[in-house]
Amino acid sequence: RNPELRGGGITHQMGNAWGMAHHFATIETAAYQSFFATVKPDLLTVMLGTNDMCNGWHPNEYREQLDQLLLKFRRSASQASILVMSCASCPFDRLQQAKDFDHQAAEAARQANAGFLSINDFL
């Protein structure tokens, strides 16, 4: 928490468009530890899965990568809360597949003691 912000916040973005869970899961824990030691996050928001789904990854493969990433986040920023946001259906005719990814993301969040929000509930 930064008292100079007077109730505001600073947002840092990691990654870019078209990122997939395995891109972030394969980053060394030490890199996350260094980054989080510098920015001292209160909240880590994870929104991954749409590109995994659209590129043919199986929900179980996505889950394995998400589990690894959340473990690295917990080890690197134990003071931060984590919110996992599920992926949106891509394209919109893959609603069942999106629900499968939602289920995996929800379970990964539960296992990591993180919050979960389904984007598909708002579509």
C-alpha atoms as a PDB file:
ATOM      1  CA  ARG A   1       0.000   0.000   0.000  1.00  0.00           C
ATOM      2  CA  ASN A   2       1.304   3.376  -0.954  1.00  0.00           C
ATOM      3  CA  PRO A   3       0.065   6.161   1.348  1.00  0.00           C
ATOM      4  CA  GLU A   4       1.091   8.767  -1.213  1.00  0.00           C
ATOM      5  CA  LEU A   5      -1.679   7.584  -3.538  1.00  0.00           C
ATOM      6  CA  ARG A   6      -4.409   8.814  -1.182  1.00  0.00           C
ATOM      7  CA  GLY A   7      -6.862   6.029  -1.956  1.00  0.00           C
ATOM      8  CA  GLY A   8      -5.734   5.487  -5.525  1.00  0.00           C
ATOM      9  CA  GLY A   9      -3.716   2.718  -7.044  1.00  0.00           C
ATOM     10  CA  ILE A  10      -1.073   1.907  -9.595  1.00  0.00           C
ATOM     11  CA  THR A  11      -1.622  -0.748 -12.224  1.00  0.00           C
ATOM     12  CA  HIS A  12       1.216  -2.740 -13.759  1.00  0.00           C
ATOM     13  CA  GLN A  13       0.667  -4.957 -16.761  1.00  0.00           C
ATOM     14  CA  MET A  14       2.645  -8.120 -17.324  1.00  0.00           C
ATOM     15  CA  GLY A  15       2.509  -9.669 -20.739  1.00  0.00           C
ATOM     16  CA  ASN A  16       0.642  -8.581 -23.819  1.00  0.00           C
ATOM     17  CA  ALA A  17      -2.221  -9.543 -26.084  1.00  0.00           C
ATOM     18  CA  TRP A  18      -2.138 -13.120 -27.363  1.00  0.00           C
ATOM     19  CA  GLY A  19      -0.387 -14.404 -24.244  1.00  0.00           C
ATOM     20  CA  MET A  20      -1.177 -17.938 -23.134  1.00  0.00           C
ATOM     21  CA  ALA A  21      -0.939 -19.593 -19.722  1.00  0.00           C
ATOM     22  CA  HIS A  22       2.198 -21.533 -20.609  1.00  0.00           C
ATOM     23  CA  HIS A  23       4.003 -18.295 -21.563  1.00  0.00           C
ATOM     24  CA  PHE A  24       3.714 -17.098 -17.961  1.00  0.00           C
ATOM     25  CA  ALA A  25       4.029 -20.476 -16.216  1.00  0.00           C
ATOM     26  CA  THR A  26       7.473 -21.048 -17.712  1.00  0.00           C
ATOM     27  CA  ILE A  27       8.927 -17.786 -16.361  1.00  0.00           C
ATOM     28  CA  GLU A  28      11.344 -18.495 -13.518  1.00  0.00           C
ATOM     29  CA  THR A  29      10.071 -17.836 -10.009  1.00  0.00           C
ATOM     30  CA  ALA A  30      13.083 -15.579  -9.366  1.00  0.00           C
ATOM     31  CA  ALA A  31      11.902 -13.186 -12.090  1.00  0.00           C
ATOM     32  CA  TYR A  32       8.495 -12.879 -10.432  1.00  0.00           C
ATOM     33  CA  GLN A  33      10.127 -12.457  -7.022  1.00  0.00           C
ATOM     34  CA  SER A  34      12.297  -9.633  -8.326  1.00  0.00           C
ATOM     35  CA  PHE A  35       9.402  -7.867 -10.040  1.00  0.00           C
ATOM     36  CA  PHE A  36       7.010  -8.219  -7.094  1.00  0.00           C
ATOM     37  CA  ALA A  37       9.679  -7.116  -4.611  1.00  0.00           C
ATOM     38  CA  THR A  38       9.920  -3.891  -6.607  1.00  0.00           C
ATOM     39  CA  VAL A  39       6.203  -3.185  -7.170  1.00  0.00           C
ATOM     40  CA  LYS A  40       4.899  -4.663  -3.872  1.00  0.00           C
ATOM     41  CA  PRO A  41       1.447  -5.638  -5.180  1.00  0.00           C
ATOM     42  CA  ASP A  42      -1.664  -5.802  -3.034  1.00  0.00           C
ATOM     43  CA  LEU A  43      -3.658  -7.612  -5.713  1.00  0.00           C
ATOM     44  CA  LEU A  44      -2.632  -9.833  -8.612  1.00  0.00           C
ATOM     45  CA  THR A  45      -5.302 -10.246 -11.279  1.00  0.00           C
ATOM     46  CA  VAL A  46      -4.870 -13.184 -13.645  1.00  0.00           C
ATOM     47  CA  MET A  47      -6.908 -13.268 -16.845  1.00  0.00           C
ATOM     48  CA  LEU A  48      -5.748 -16.089 -19.069  1.00  0.00           C
ATOM     49  CA  GLY A  49      -7.411 -18.816 -21.088  1.00  0.00           C
ATOM     50  CA  THR A  50      -9.103 -17.286 -24.130  1.00  0.00           C
ATOM     51  CA  ASN A  51      -6.007 -17.649 -26.294  1.00  0.00           C
ATOM     52  CA  ASP A  52      -5.327 -21.112 -24.871  1.00  0.00           C
ATOM     53  CA  MET A  53      -8.847 -22.154 -25.857  1.00  0.00           C
ATOM     54  CA  CYS A  54      -8.683 -20.573 -29.317  1.00  0.00           C
ATOM     55  CA  ASN A  55      -5.329 -22.232 -30.013  1.00  0.00           C
ATOM     56  CA  GLY A  56      -6.589 -25.730 -29.261  1.00  0.00           C
ATOM     57  CA  TRP A  57      -5.218 -26.308 -25.758  1.00  0.00           C
ATOM     58  CA  HIS A  58      -7.173 -28.800 -23.689  1.00  0.00           C
ATOM     59  CA  PRO A  59      -8.715 -27.425 -20.463  1.00  0.00           C
ATOM     60  CA  ASN A  60      -6.570 -29.832 -18.422  1.00  0.00           C
ATOM     61  CA  GLU A  61      -3.374 -28.534 -20.048  1.00  0.00           C
ATOM     62  CA  TYR A  62      -4.493 -24.988 -19.311  1.00  0.00           C
ATOM     63  CA  ARG A  63      -5.155 -25.969 -15.701  1.00  0.00           C
ATOM     64  CA  GLU A  64      -1.656 -27.424 -15.264  1.00  0.00           C
ATOM     65  CA  GLN A  65      -0.105 -24.196 -16.525  1.00  0.00           C
ATOM     66  CA  LEU A  66      -2.404 -22.024 -14.398  1.00  0.00           C
ATOM     67  CA  ASP A  67      -1.592 -24.094 -11.298  1.00  0.00           C
ATOM     68  CA  GLN A  68       2.129 -23.536 -11.896  1.00  0.00           C
ATOM     69  CA  LEU A  69       1.649 -19.810 -12.398  1.00  0.00           C
ATOM     70  CA  LEU A  70      -0.469 -19.369  -9.267  1.00  0.00           C
ATOM     71  CA  LEU A  71       2.082 -21.301  -7.217  1.00  0.00           C
ATOM     72  CA  LYS A  72       4.843 -19.004  -8.479  1.00  0.00           C
ATOM     73  CA  PHE A  73       2.718 -15.968  -7.639  1.00  0.00           C
ATOM     74  CA  ARG A  74       2.072 -17.270  -4.108  1.00  0.00           C
ATOM     75  CA  ARG A  75       5.789 -17.907  -3.581  1.00  0.00           C
ATOM     76  CA  SER A  76       6.737 -14.524  -5.029  1.00  0.00           C
ATOM     77  CA  ALA A  77       4.102 -12.230  -3.524  1.00  0.00           C
ATOM     78  CA  SER A  78       2.677 -14.009  -0.502  1.00  0.00           C
ATOM     79  CA  GLN A  79       1.206 -10.766   0.867  1.00  0.00           C
ATOM     80  CA  ALA A  80      -0.879 -10.129  -2.260  1.00  0.00           C
ATOM     81  CA  SER A  81      -4.424 -11.267  -2.865  1.00  0.00           C
ATOM     82  CA  ILE A  82      -4.999 -13.088  -6.151  1.00  0.00           C
ATOM     83  CA  LEU A  83      -8.070 -12.860  -8.365  1.00  0.00           C
ATOM     84  CA  VAL A  84      -8.392 -15.313 -11.250  1.00  0.00           C
ATOM     85  CA  MET A  85     -10.742 -14.164 -13.987  1.00  0.00           C
ATOM     86  CA  SER A  86     -11.909 -16.777 -16.445  1.00  0.00           C
ATOM     87  CA  CYS A  87     -11.580 -16.503 -20.172  1.00  0.00           C
ATOM     88  CA  ALA A  88     -14.353 -15.349 -22.459  1.00  0.00           C
ATOM     89  CA  SER A  89     -15.694 -17.728 -25.056  1.00  0.00           C
ATOM     90  CA  CYS A  90     -13.784 -17.429 -28.312  1.00  0.00           C
ATOM     91  CA  PRO A  91     -15.607 -17.470 -30.638  1.00  0.00           C
ATOM     92  CA  PHE A  92     -19.043 -17.289 -29.068  1.00  0.00           C
ATOM     93  CA  ASP A  93     -20.035 -20.703 -30.456  1.00  0.00           C
ATOM     94  CA  ARG A  94     -17.668 -22.400 -27.972  1.00  0.00           C
ATOM     95  CA  LEU A  95     -19.723 -21.791 -24.855  1.00  0.00           C
ATOM     96  CA  GLN A  96     -19.340 -25.335 -23.514  1.00  0.00           C
ATOM     97  CA  GLN A  97     -15.596 -25.200 -24.005  1.00  0.00           C
ATOM     98  CA  ALA A  98     -15.517 -21.840 -22.211  1.00  0.00           C
ATOM     99  CA  LYS A  99     -17.431 -23.423 -19.319  1.00  0.00           C
ATOM    100  CA  ASP A 100     -14.819 -26.201 -19.185  1.00  0.00           C
ATOM    101  CA  PHE A 101     -12.059 -23.586 -18.989  1.00  0.00           C
ATOM    102  CA  ASP A 102     -14.093 -21.691 -16.359  1.00  0.00           C
ATOM    103  CA  HIS A 103     -14.325 -24.839 -14.266  1.00  0.00           C
ATOM    104  CA  GLN A 104     -10.567 -25.417 -14.443  1.00  0.00           C
ATOM    105  CA  ALA A 105      -9.826 -21.784 -13.579  1.00  0.00           C
ATOM    106  CA  ALA A 106     -12.242 -21.878 -10.633  1.00  0.00           C
ATOM    107  CA  GLU A 107     -10.640 -25.044  -9.280  1.00  0.00           C
ATOM    108  CA  ALA A 108      -7.128 -23.639  -9.726  1.00  0.00           C
ATOM    109  CA  ALA A 109      -8.173 -20.484  -7.868  1.00  0.00           C
ATOM    110  CA  ARG A 110      -9.740 -22.516  -5.059  1.00  0.00           C
ATOM    111  CA  GLN A 111      -6.613 -24.635  -4.713  1.00  0.00           C
ATOM    112  CA  ALA A 112      -4.429 -21.500  -4.596  1.00  0.00           C
ATOM    113  CA  ASN A 113      -6.721 -19.795  -2.068  1.00  0.00           C
ATOM    114  CA  ALA A 114      -7.496 -17.111  -4.630  1.00  0.00           C
ATOM    115  CA  GLY A 115     -10.694 -15.397  -5.673  1.00  0.00           C
ATOM    116  CA  PHE A 116     -12.474 -16.315  -8.903  1.00  0.00           C
ATOM    117  CA  LEU A 117     -14.704 -14.356 -11.262  1.00  0.00           C
ATOM    118  CA  SER A 118     -16.293 -15.848 -14.386  1.00  0.00           C
ATOM    119  CA  ILE A 119     -16.331 -13.394 -17.276  1.00  0.00           C
ATOM    120  CA  ASN A 120     -18.858 -15.630 -19.039  1.00  0.00           C
ATOM    121  CA  ASP A 121     -21.437 -14.831 -16.370  1.00  0.00           C
ATOM    122  CA  PHE A 122     -21.550 -11.309 -17.810  1.00  0.00           C
ATOM    123  CA  LEU A 123     -21.792 -12.234 -21.509  1.00  0.00           C
END
